[in-house]
Every structure is written in C-alpha cells, then in structure tokens.
Amino acid sequence: AEAERLAREMSASLGIPVEAVEEAERAVAESDLVVTATPATEPILEAAWLRPGVHVTAMGSDSEHKQELEPAVLRRADVVVSDRRSQGLAIGELRSAREAGVDVSEERVAELGEVLAGTRPGRTSEDQITVCDLTGTGVQDTAIARLAAARAKASG
C-alpha cells in the first residue's frame, strides 16, 4: 500500500508515469533507468536482470559494509563510471566488485568528471549497459537528479 501511494505521489509530482511492482526483477527488466538508493548490505540487483540499453545508478553503497549490486553487474556493463574512483574503491560498488575479481582498473572505470569533460567516453550506442557508482558527492548527485528528471519530462 505504501509503494502504491508513493507511486501515485511521484506520478503527480514528476508528471511521468510511476508504477509500484512487487518484484525487483520485473522493475529492472522493464526499465531504461534503474537507481538504487538503499542501505543494503547484500546485492539487491542482479546482472541477469539487465537488458541492453539500461542505465544503472547505484547510490546506496556509501560505506564499506554496504552493497547494492551483484559484482557481475559491473562485469556485464559496457561502461562503468564512478563519481570518484578512489572513493568508489574504498566504500562503493567498485570495492565489492574488485573483491569479487571484477576489473575495476582505471582503464575500465572512468570518473564522472572525465566523462562530462569529454576526456573519457560515456555511452556510445543505445544498446550499451551503463553503470554509475555514486558514493556521495552531493553537488554532483543533485545536478544529476535534476538533469535526469528534466530529460525524462522532455521525452514524455
């Protein structure tokens, strides 16, 4: 009931359709954009659920005991970006992925500032799976959220 209420409120507030679903797998499999912002200490999002073209922003892993993404999510991603690579390796999803043997080297993981400045590529095709590990640089988080909401509204 709370999820249904929140979906109605968000639909009205954002002016875009928001639907509550019971299964995370269904929500992810049907989404173009997935944002995780939880206090999870074990993965809540699995790589098998990702479809071509999806973008995942993980925001909840902001300390060394938290983890939202199955490490295979980063392995499967075509593009991996972190707000701050060193911070992601210490407390973010990059830490969990590295511990599981996933390549999170500097060559594989770009920083958000590098992508925005055009010195590293972001998405280069519509079918790429992209993942952004945000560990908490508040100004960037706010700017990203505002831009995402504006683009979602503009695209209907």
N, C-alpha and C. Protein backbone atom coordinates (compact mmCIF):
# COMPACT_ATOMS: atom_id res chain seq x y z
N ALA A 1 0.82 -1.20 0.00
CA ALA A 1 0.00 0.00 0.00
C ALA A 1 0.86 1.26 0.00
N GLU A 2 1.96 1.22 0.76
CA GLU A 2 2.85 2.38 0.81
C GLU A 2 3.52 2.62 -0.55
N ALA A 3 3.90 1.54 -1.22
CA ALA A 3 4.53 1.67 -2.54
C ALA A 3 3.54 2.24 -3.55
N GLU A 4 2.29 1.79 -3.50
CA GLU A 4 1.25 2.31 -4.40
C GLU A 4 1.02 3.79 -4.14
N ARG A 5 0.98 4.17 -2.86
CA ARG A 5 0.78 5.59 -2.51
C ARG A 5 1.94 6.42 -3.03
N LEU A 6 3.15 5.95 -2.82
CA LEU A 6 4.33 6.68 -3.29
C LEU A 6 4.32 6.80 -4.81
N ALA A 7 3.94 5.73 -5.51
CA ALA A 7 3.88 5.78 -6.98
C ALA A 7 2.91 6.85 -7.44
N ARG A 8 1.74 6.91 -6.81
CA ARG A 8 0.76 7.95 -7.17
C ARG A 8 1.32 9.35 -6.92
N GLU A 9 1.95 9.53 -5.76
CA GLU A 9 2.52 10.84 -5.43
C GLU A 9 3.62 11.24 -6.40
N MET A 10 4.49 10.29 -6.74
CA MET A 10 5.59 10.59 -7.65
C MET A 10 5.09 10.86 -9.06
N SER A 11 4.08 10.13 -9.51
CA SER A 11 3.49 10.39 -10.83
C SER A 11 2.96 11.81 -10.90
N ALA A 12 2.25 12.21 -9.86
CA ALA A 12 1.69 13.56 -9.82
C ALA A 12 2.79 14.61 -9.72
N SER A 13 3.76 14.37 -8.88
CA SER A 13 4.82 15.34 -8.65
C SER A 13 5.74 15.50 -9.86
N LEU A 14 6.10 14.39 -10.49
CA LEU A 14 7.05 14.43 -11.60
C LEU A 14 6.39 14.60 -12.96
N GLY A 15 5.10 14.28 -13.04
CA GLY A 15 4.42 14.37 -14.32
C GLY A 15 4.80 13.26 -15.28
N ILE A 16 5.30 12.15 -14.75
CA ILE A 16 5.64 10.97 -15.55
C ILE A 16 5.02 9.75 -14.88
N PRO A 17 4.74 8.69 -15.64
CA PRO A 17 4.15 7.50 -15.02
C PRO A 17 5.12 6.82 -14.06
N VAL A 18 4.65 6.51 -12.88
CA VAL A 18 5.42 5.76 -11.89
C VAL A 18 4.54 4.61 -11.43
N GLU A 19 5.07 3.40 -11.46
CA GLU A 19 4.31 2.20 -11.10
C GLU A 19 5.02 1.43 -10.00
N ALA A 20 4.29 0.98 -9.01
CA ALA A 20 4.85 0.12 -7.97
C ALA A 20 4.74 -1.33 -8.44
N VAL A 21 5.80 -2.09 -8.28
CA VAL A 21 5.78 -3.52 -8.61
C VAL A 21 6.32 -4.30 -7.42
N GLU A 22 5.90 -5.55 -7.32
CA GLU A 22 6.31 -6.36 -6.17
C GLU A 22 7.70 -6.96 -6.33
N GLU A 23 8.10 -7.27 -7.57
CA GLU A 23 9.38 -7.95 -7.79
C GLU A 23 10.41 -7.00 -8.38
N ALA A 24 11.57 -6.95 -7.74
CA ALA A 24 12.66 -6.11 -8.24
C ALA A 24 13.07 -6.54 -9.65
N GLU A 25 13.07 -7.84 -9.91
CA GLU A 25 13.47 -8.34 -11.23
C GLU A 25 12.59 -7.74 -12.32
N ARG A 26 11.29 -7.70 -12.10
CA ARG A 26 10.38 -7.14 -13.10
C ARG A 26 10.63 -5.65 -13.29
N ALA A 27 10.82 -4.94 -12.20
CA ALA A 27 11.07 -3.50 -12.29
C ALA A 27 12.33 -3.22 -13.11
N VAL A 28 13.38 -3.96 -12.85
CA VAL A 28 14.64 -3.76 -13.57
C VAL A 28 14.51 -4.16 -15.03
N ALA A 29 13.90 -5.32 -15.29
CA ALA A 29 13.79 -5.83 -16.65
C ALA A 29 12.96 -4.92 -17.55
N GLU A 30 12.07 -4.13 -16.98
CA GLU A 30 11.20 -3.26 -17.77
C GLU A 30 11.64 -1.79 -17.77
N SER A 31 12.80 -1.51 -17.20
CA SER A 31 13.23 -0.12 -17.04
C SER A 31 14.37 0.26 -17.97
N ASP A 32 14.38 1.52 -18.35
CA ASP A 32 15.50 2.10 -19.09
C ASP A 32 16.54 2.64 -18.11
N LEU A 33 16.07 3.04 -16.94
CA LEU A 33 16.92 3.66 -15.91
C LEU A 33 16.58 3.03 -14.58
N VAL A 34 17.61 2.58 -13.87
CA VAL A 34 17.44 1.99 -12.54
C VAL A 34 18.33 2.76 -11.59
N VAL A 35 17.75 3.25 -10.50
CA VAL A 35 18.51 3.94 -9.47
C VAL A 35 18.32 3.19 -8.17
N THR A 36 19.42 2.78 -7.55
CA THR A 36 19.35 2.15 -6.25
C THR A 36 19.85 3.15 -5.22
N ALA A 37 19.11 3.31 -4.16
CA ALA A 37 19.48 4.23 -3.08
C ALA A 37 19.01 3.62 -1.77
N THR A 38 19.63 2.51 -1.40
CA THR A 38 19.20 1.73 -0.25
C THR A 38 20.33 1.58 0.76
N PRO A 39 20.03 1.11 1.96
CA PRO A 39 21.07 0.78 2.93
C PRO A 39 21.48 -0.70 2.85
N ALA A 40 21.27 -1.33 1.70
CA ALA A 40 21.52 -2.77 1.56
C ALA A 40 22.96 -3.14 1.87
N THR A 41 23.11 -4.29 2.51
CA THR A 41 24.45 -4.83 2.79
C THR A 41 24.73 -6.07 1.96
N GLU A 42 23.75 -6.49 1.17
CA GLU A 42 23.89 -7.59 0.23
C GLU A 42 23.24 -7.17 -1.08
N PRO A 43 23.69 -7.70 -2.21
CA PRO A 43 23.16 -7.27 -3.51
C PRO A 43 21.63 -7.40 -3.61
N ILE A 44 21.03 -6.35 -4.17
CA ILE A 44 19.59 -6.35 -4.44
C ILE A 44 19.30 -6.30 -5.93
N LEU A 45 20.34 -6.14 -6.74
CA LEU A 45 20.18 -6.06 -8.19
C LEU A 45 21.13 -7.05 -8.84
N GLU A 46 20.58 -7.92 -9.69
CA GLU A 46 21.37 -8.98 -10.32
C GLU A 46 21.67 -8.67 -11.79
N ALA A 47 22.82 -9.11 -12.24
CA ALA A 47 23.25 -8.88 -13.62
C ALA A 47 22.30 -9.51 -14.63
N ALA A 48 21.72 -10.64 -14.31
CA ALA A 48 20.83 -11.35 -15.24
C ALA A 48 19.57 -10.53 -15.55
N TRP A 49 19.23 -9.60 -14.72
CA TRP A 49 18.02 -8.79 -14.92
C TRP A 49 18.22 -7.67 -15.93
N LEU A 50 19.47 -7.34 -16.24
CA LEU A 50 19.76 -6.18 -17.08
C LEU A 50 19.50 -6.48 -18.55
N ARG A 51 18.86 -5.55 -19.22
CA ARG A 51 18.61 -5.69 -20.65
C ARG A 51 19.48 -4.68 -21.39
N PRO A 52 19.73 -4.90 -22.66
CA PRO A 52 20.54 -3.94 -23.42
C PRO A 52 19.96 -2.53 -23.33
N GLY A 53 20.84 -1.57 -23.17
CA GLY A 53 20.45 -0.17 -23.13
C GLY A 53 20.11 0.37 -21.77
N VAL A 54 20.05 -0.45 -20.74
CA VAL A 54 19.69 0.03 -19.41
C VAL A 54 20.85 0.81 -18.81
N HIS A 55 20.50 1.81 -18.01
CA HIS A 55 21.50 2.54 -17.22
C HIS A 55 21.17 2.31 -15.75
N VAL A 56 22.19 1.99 -14.97
CA VAL A 56 22.05 1.78 -13.53
C VAL A 56 22.89 2.82 -12.80
N THR A 57 22.26 3.54 -11.88
CA THR A 57 22.99 4.41 -10.98
C THR A 57 22.81 3.85 -9.58
N ALA A 58 23.92 3.47 -8.97
CA ALA A 58 23.91 2.93 -7.61
C ALA A 58 24.41 4.02 -6.66
N MET A 59 23.55 4.40 -5.72
CA MET A 59 23.87 5.49 -4.81
C MET A 59 23.96 5.07 -3.34
N GLY A 60 23.51 3.87 -3.02
CA GLY A 60 23.40 3.49 -1.62
C GLY A 60 24.67 2.98 -0.97
N SER A 61 25.61 2.52 -1.77
CA SER A 61 26.83 1.96 -1.21
C SER A 61 27.80 3.09 -0.90
N ASP A 62 27.66 3.62 0.30
CA ASP A 62 28.49 4.76 0.69
C ASP A 62 29.30 4.49 1.96
N SER A 63 29.47 3.22 2.26
CA SER A 63 30.37 2.80 3.34
C SER A 63 30.81 1.37 3.06
N GLU A 64 31.89 0.96 3.71
CA GLU A 64 32.49 -0.33 3.36
C GLU A 64 31.64 -1.55 3.65
N HIS A 65 30.57 -1.43 4.39
CA HIS A 65 29.72 -2.60 4.66
C HIS A 65 28.48 -2.65 3.76
N LYS A 66 28.29 -1.67 2.90
CA LYS A 66 27.10 -1.63 2.04
C LYS A 66 27.41 -2.18 0.66
N GLN A 67 26.37 -2.74 0.02
CA GLN A 67 26.49 -3.25 -1.35
C GLN A 67 25.09 -3.41 -1.91
N GLU A 68 24.83 -2.85 -3.08
CA GLU A 68 23.53 -2.98 -3.74
C GLU A 68 23.59 -3.84 -5.00
N LEU A 69 24.72 -3.84 -5.68
CA LEU A 69 24.84 -4.52 -6.96
C LEU A 69 25.60 -5.83 -6.83
N GLU A 70 25.08 -6.86 -7.47
CA GLU A 70 25.84 -8.09 -7.63
C GLU A 70 27.10 -7.70 -8.42
N PRO A 71 28.29 -8.14 -8.02
CA PRO A 71 29.51 -7.75 -8.74
C PRO A 71 29.44 -8.01 -10.24
N ALA A 72 28.71 -9.03 -10.65
CA ALA A 72 28.58 -9.33 -12.09
C ALA A 72 27.90 -8.20 -12.85
N VAL A 73 27.17 -7.31 -12.17
CA VAL A 73 26.57 -6.16 -12.84
C VAL A 73 27.68 -5.31 -13.45
N LEU A 74 28.74 -5.05 -12.68
CA LEU A 74 29.85 -4.25 -13.20
C LEU A 74 30.63 -5.02 -14.25
N ARG A 75 30.72 -6.32 -14.11
CA ARG A 75 31.39 -7.14 -15.13
C ARG A 75 30.62 -7.07 -16.45
N ARG A 76 29.30 -7.10 -16.37
CA ARG A 76 28.47 -7.12 -17.57
C ARG A 76 28.36 -5.75 -18.23
N ALA A 77 28.57 -4.70 -17.48
CA ALA A 77 28.42 -3.34 -18.00
C ALA A 77 29.43 -3.04 -19.10
N ASP A 78 28.96 -2.33 -20.12
CA ASP A 78 29.84 -1.87 -21.19
C ASP A 78 30.60 -0.62 -20.79
N VAL A 79 29.97 0.21 -19.95
CA VAL A 79 30.56 1.45 -19.48
C VAL A 79 30.36 1.52 -17.97
N VAL A 80 31.45 1.76 -17.23
CA VAL A 80 31.37 1.93 -15.77
C VAL A 80 31.98 3.27 -15.43
N VAL A 81 31.22 4.05 -14.65
CA VAL A 81 31.65 5.39 -14.25
C VAL A 81 31.47 5.51 -12.74
N SER A 82 32.37 6.22 -12.10
CA SER A 82 32.26 6.49 -10.67
C SER A 82 32.39 7.99 -10.45
N ASP A 83 31.70 8.51 -9.44
CA ASP A 83 31.85 9.93 -9.17
C ASP A 83 33.30 10.23 -8.78
N ARG A 84 33.88 9.35 -7.99
CA ARG A 84 35.29 9.47 -7.60
C ARG A 84 35.84 8.06 -7.46
N ARG A 85 36.72 7.66 -8.38
CA ARG A 85 37.21 6.28 -8.44
C ARG A 85 37.81 5.83 -7.11
N SER A 86 38.68 6.64 -6.51
CA SER A 86 39.34 6.24 -5.26
C SER A 86 38.31 6.02 -4.15
N GLN A 87 37.31 6.85 -4.10
CA GLN A 87 36.26 6.70 -3.09
C GLN A 87 35.42 5.45 -3.36
N GLY A 88 35.11 5.20 -4.64
CA GLY A 88 34.35 4.00 -5.00
C GLY A 88 35.10 2.72 -4.65
N LEU A 89 36.42 2.74 -4.79
CA LEU A 89 37.24 1.58 -4.44
C LEU A 89 37.31 1.38 -2.93
N ALA A 90 37.12 2.44 -2.18
CA ALA A 90 37.17 2.34 -0.72
C ALA A 90 35.81 1.96 -0.13
N ILE A 91 34.72 2.56 -0.64
CA ILE A 91 33.42 2.35 0.02
C ILE A 91 32.27 2.03 -0.93
N GLY A 92 32.50 2.05 -2.23
CA GLY A 92 31.39 1.89 -3.18
C GLY A 92 31.27 0.51 -3.78
N GLU A 93 30.48 0.43 -4.83
CA GLU A 93 30.28 -0.82 -5.56
C GLU A 93 31.58 -1.30 -6.20
N LEU A 94 32.48 -0.38 -6.53
CA LEU A 94 33.77 -0.77 -7.09
C LEU A 94 34.54 -1.65 -6.11
N ARG A 95 34.42 -1.36 -4.81
CA ARG A 95 35.09 -2.15 -3.78
C ARG A 95 34.60 -3.59 -3.81
N SER A 96 33.28 -3.77 -3.81
CA SER A 96 32.71 -5.11 -3.81
C SER A 96 33.06 -5.86 -5.09
N ALA A 97 33.03 -5.16 -6.21
CA ALA A 97 33.35 -5.79 -7.49
C ALA A 97 34.82 -6.22 -7.52
N ARG A 98 35.71 -5.36 -7.06
CA ARG A 98 37.14 -5.70 -7.03
C ARG A 98 37.37 -6.94 -6.16
N GLU A 99 36.70 -6.99 -5.00
CA GLU A 99 36.85 -8.15 -4.10
C GLU A 99 36.37 -9.44 -4.78
N ALA A 100 35.44 -9.32 -5.74
CA ALA A 100 34.92 -10.49 -6.46
C ALA A 100 35.72 -10.79 -7.74
N GLY A 101 36.79 -10.04 -7.97
CA GLY A 101 37.64 -10.30 -9.12
C GLY A 101 37.24 -9.58 -10.40
N VAL A 102 36.35 -8.60 -10.31
CA VAL A 102 35.94 -7.82 -11.48
C VAL A 102 36.99 -6.74 -11.75
N ASP A 103 37.28 -6.51 -13.01
CA ASP A 103 38.23 -5.47 -13.41
C ASP A 103 37.62 -4.10 -13.14
N VAL A 104 38.18 -3.39 -12.18
CA VAL A 104 37.74 -2.02 -11.89
C VAL A 104 38.94 -1.08 -11.97
N SER A 105 39.84 -1.41 -12.89
CA SER A 105 41.04 -0.61 -13.09
C SER A 105 40.69 0.77 -13.63
N GLU A 106 41.67 1.64 -13.60
CA GLU A 106 41.49 3.00 -14.12
C GLU A 106 41.13 2.98 -15.60
N GLU A 107 41.64 2.00 -16.33
CA GLU A 107 41.32 1.89 -17.75
C GLU A 107 39.85 1.50 -17.96
N ARG A 108 39.30 0.73 -17.06
CA ARG A 108 37.93 0.22 -17.19
C ARG A 108 36.89 1.18 -16.61
N VAL A 109 37.25 1.91 -15.56
CA VAL A 109 36.29 2.77 -14.84
C VAL A 109 36.67 4.23 -15.01
N ALA A 110 35.79 4.98 -15.63
CA ALA A 110 36.00 6.42 -15.79
C ALA A 110 35.41 7.17 -14.61
N GLU A 111 35.92 8.34 -14.35
CA GLU A 111 35.29 9.21 -13.36
C GLU A 111 34.26 10.08 -14.06
N LEU A 112 33.22 10.42 -13.33
CA LEU A 112 32.13 11.22 -13.88
C LEU A 112 32.65 12.52 -14.48
N GLY A 113 33.55 13.17 -13.81
CA GLY A 113 34.12 14.41 -14.33
C GLY A 113 34.83 14.23 -15.65
N GLU A 114 35.48 13.09 -15.83
CA GLU A 114 36.16 12.80 -17.09
C GLU A 114 35.16 12.64 -18.23
N VAL A 115 34.05 11.98 -17.95
CA VAL A 115 33.02 11.79 -18.98
C VAL A 115 32.39 13.13 -19.31
N LEU A 116 32.07 13.92 -18.29
CA LEU A 116 31.45 15.23 -18.52
C LEU A 116 32.38 16.18 -19.26
N ALA A 117 33.68 16.08 -19.01
CA ALA A 117 34.66 16.93 -19.68
C ALA A 117 35.00 16.43 -21.09
N GLY A 118 34.53 15.22 -21.43
CA GLY A 118 34.79 14.67 -22.76
C GLY A 118 36.14 14.01 -22.91
N THR A 119 36.86 13.79 -21.81
CA THR A 119 38.17 13.15 -21.91
C THR A 119 38.07 11.63 -21.85
N ARG A 120 36.92 11.11 -21.44
CA ARG A 120 36.63 9.68 -21.45
C ARG A 120 35.23 9.50 -22.03
N PRO A 121 35.03 8.43 -22.80
CA PRO A 121 33.70 8.24 -23.39
C PRO A 121 32.69 7.72 -22.36
N GLY A 122 31.46 8.12 -22.57
CA GLY A 122 30.34 7.53 -21.84
C GLY A 122 29.68 6.54 -22.78
N ARG A 123 28.37 6.53 -22.81
CA ARG A 123 27.63 5.65 -23.70
C ARG A 123 27.90 6.06 -25.15
N THR A 124 28.21 5.06 -25.99
CA THR A 124 28.46 5.34 -27.41
C THR A 124 27.44 4.66 -28.31
N SER A 125 26.58 3.82 -27.74
CA SER A 125 25.49 3.23 -28.52
C SER A 125 24.31 2.96 -27.59
N GLU A 126 23.12 2.94 -28.17
CA GLU A 126 21.90 2.82 -27.37
C GLU A 126 21.75 1.47 -26.68
N ASP A 127 22.46 0.44 -27.14
CA ASP A 127 22.28 -0.87 -26.53
C ASP A 127 23.32 -1.18 -25.44
N GLN A 128 24.21 -0.24 -25.17
CA GLN A 128 25.19 -0.47 -24.11
C GLN A 128 24.54 -0.44 -22.74
N ILE A 129 25.02 -1.30 -21.86
CA ILE A 129 24.63 -1.27 -20.45
C ILE A 129 25.63 -0.37 -19.75
N THR A 130 25.12 0.64 -19.05
CA THR A 130 25.99 1.58 -18.36
C THR A 130 25.68 1.56 -16.87
N VAL A 131 26.72 1.72 -16.07
CA VAL A 131 26.59 1.73 -14.61
C VAL A 131 27.38 2.90 -14.07
N CYS A 132 26.75 3.62 -13.14
CA CYS A 132 27.43 4.71 -12.45
C CYS A 132 27.38 4.42 -10.95
N ASP A 133 28.54 4.39 -10.32
CA ASP A 133 28.68 4.14 -8.88
C ASP A 133 28.89 5.48 -8.20
N LEU A 134 27.84 5.97 -7.55
CA LEU A 134 27.92 7.26 -6.85
C LEU A 134 28.03 7.01 -5.35
N THR A 135 29.13 7.45 -4.78
CA THR A 135 29.37 7.21 -3.37
C THR A 135 29.12 8.43 -2.50
N GLY A 136 28.75 9.53 -3.11
CA GLY A 136 28.37 10.66 -2.30
C GLY A 136 29.14 11.94 -2.49
N THR A 137 29.02 12.55 -3.63
CA THR A 137 29.47 13.93 -3.82
C THR A 137 28.19 14.71 -4.10
N GLY A 138 27.62 15.27 -3.06
CA GLY A 138 26.28 15.83 -3.06
C GLY A 138 25.95 16.78 -4.20
N VAL A 139 26.86 17.66 -4.56
CA VAL A 139 26.59 18.62 -5.63
C VAL A 139 26.35 17.87 -6.94
N GLN A 140 27.19 16.87 -7.23
CA GLN A 140 27.01 16.09 -8.45
C GLN A 140 25.69 15.31 -8.39
N ASP A 141 25.39 14.71 -7.25
CA ASP A 141 24.16 13.94 -7.12
C ASP A 141 22.93 14.80 -7.42
N THR A 142 22.91 16.00 -6.87
CA THR A 142 21.78 16.90 -7.09
C THR A 142 21.68 17.31 -8.55
N ALA A 143 22.78 17.65 -9.16
CA ALA A 143 22.77 18.06 -10.56
C ALA A 143 22.31 16.92 -11.46
N ILE A 144 22.78 15.72 -11.18
CA ILE A 144 22.38 14.56 -11.98
C ILE A 144 20.88 14.31 -11.86
N ALA A 145 20.36 14.36 -10.64
CA ALA A 145 18.94 14.12 -10.42
C ALA A 145 18.08 15.15 -11.16
N ARG A 146 18.47 16.40 -11.10
CA ARG A 146 17.72 17.46 -11.78
C ARG A 146 17.75 17.26 -13.30
N LEU A 147 18.91 16.94 -13.84
CA LEU A 147 19.04 16.71 -15.27
C LEU A 147 18.22 15.50 -15.71
N ALA A 148 18.29 14.41 -14.96
CA ALA A 148 17.54 13.19 -15.30
C ALA A 148 16.03 13.47 -15.29
N ALA A 149 15.55 14.18 -14.30
CA ALA A 149 14.12 14.50 -14.23
C ALA A 149 13.70 15.39 -15.40
N ALA A 150 14.51 16.37 -15.73
CA ALA A 150 14.19 17.27 -16.85
C ALA A 150 14.15 16.50 -18.17
N ARG A 151 15.11 15.62 -18.38
CA ARG A 151 15.15 14.83 -19.62
C ARG A 151 13.98 13.85 -19.70
N ALA A 152 13.64 13.25 -18.56
CA ALA A 152 12.50 12.32 -18.55
C ALA A 152 11.21 13.05 -18.91
N LYS A 153 11.01 14.23 -18.35
CA LYS A 153 9.82 15.02 -18.66
C LYS A 153 9.82 15.42 -20.14
N ALA A 154 10.96 15.87 -20.63
CA ALA A 154 11.05 16.33 -22.02
C ALA A 154 10.76 15.21 -23.03
N SER A 155 11.15 13.98 -22.67
CA SER A 155 10.94 12.86 -23.59
C SER A 155 9.59 12.20 -23.43
N GLY A 156 8.79 12.70 -22.50
CA GLY A 156 7.44 12.16 -22.32
C GLY A 156 7.44 10.88 -21.52
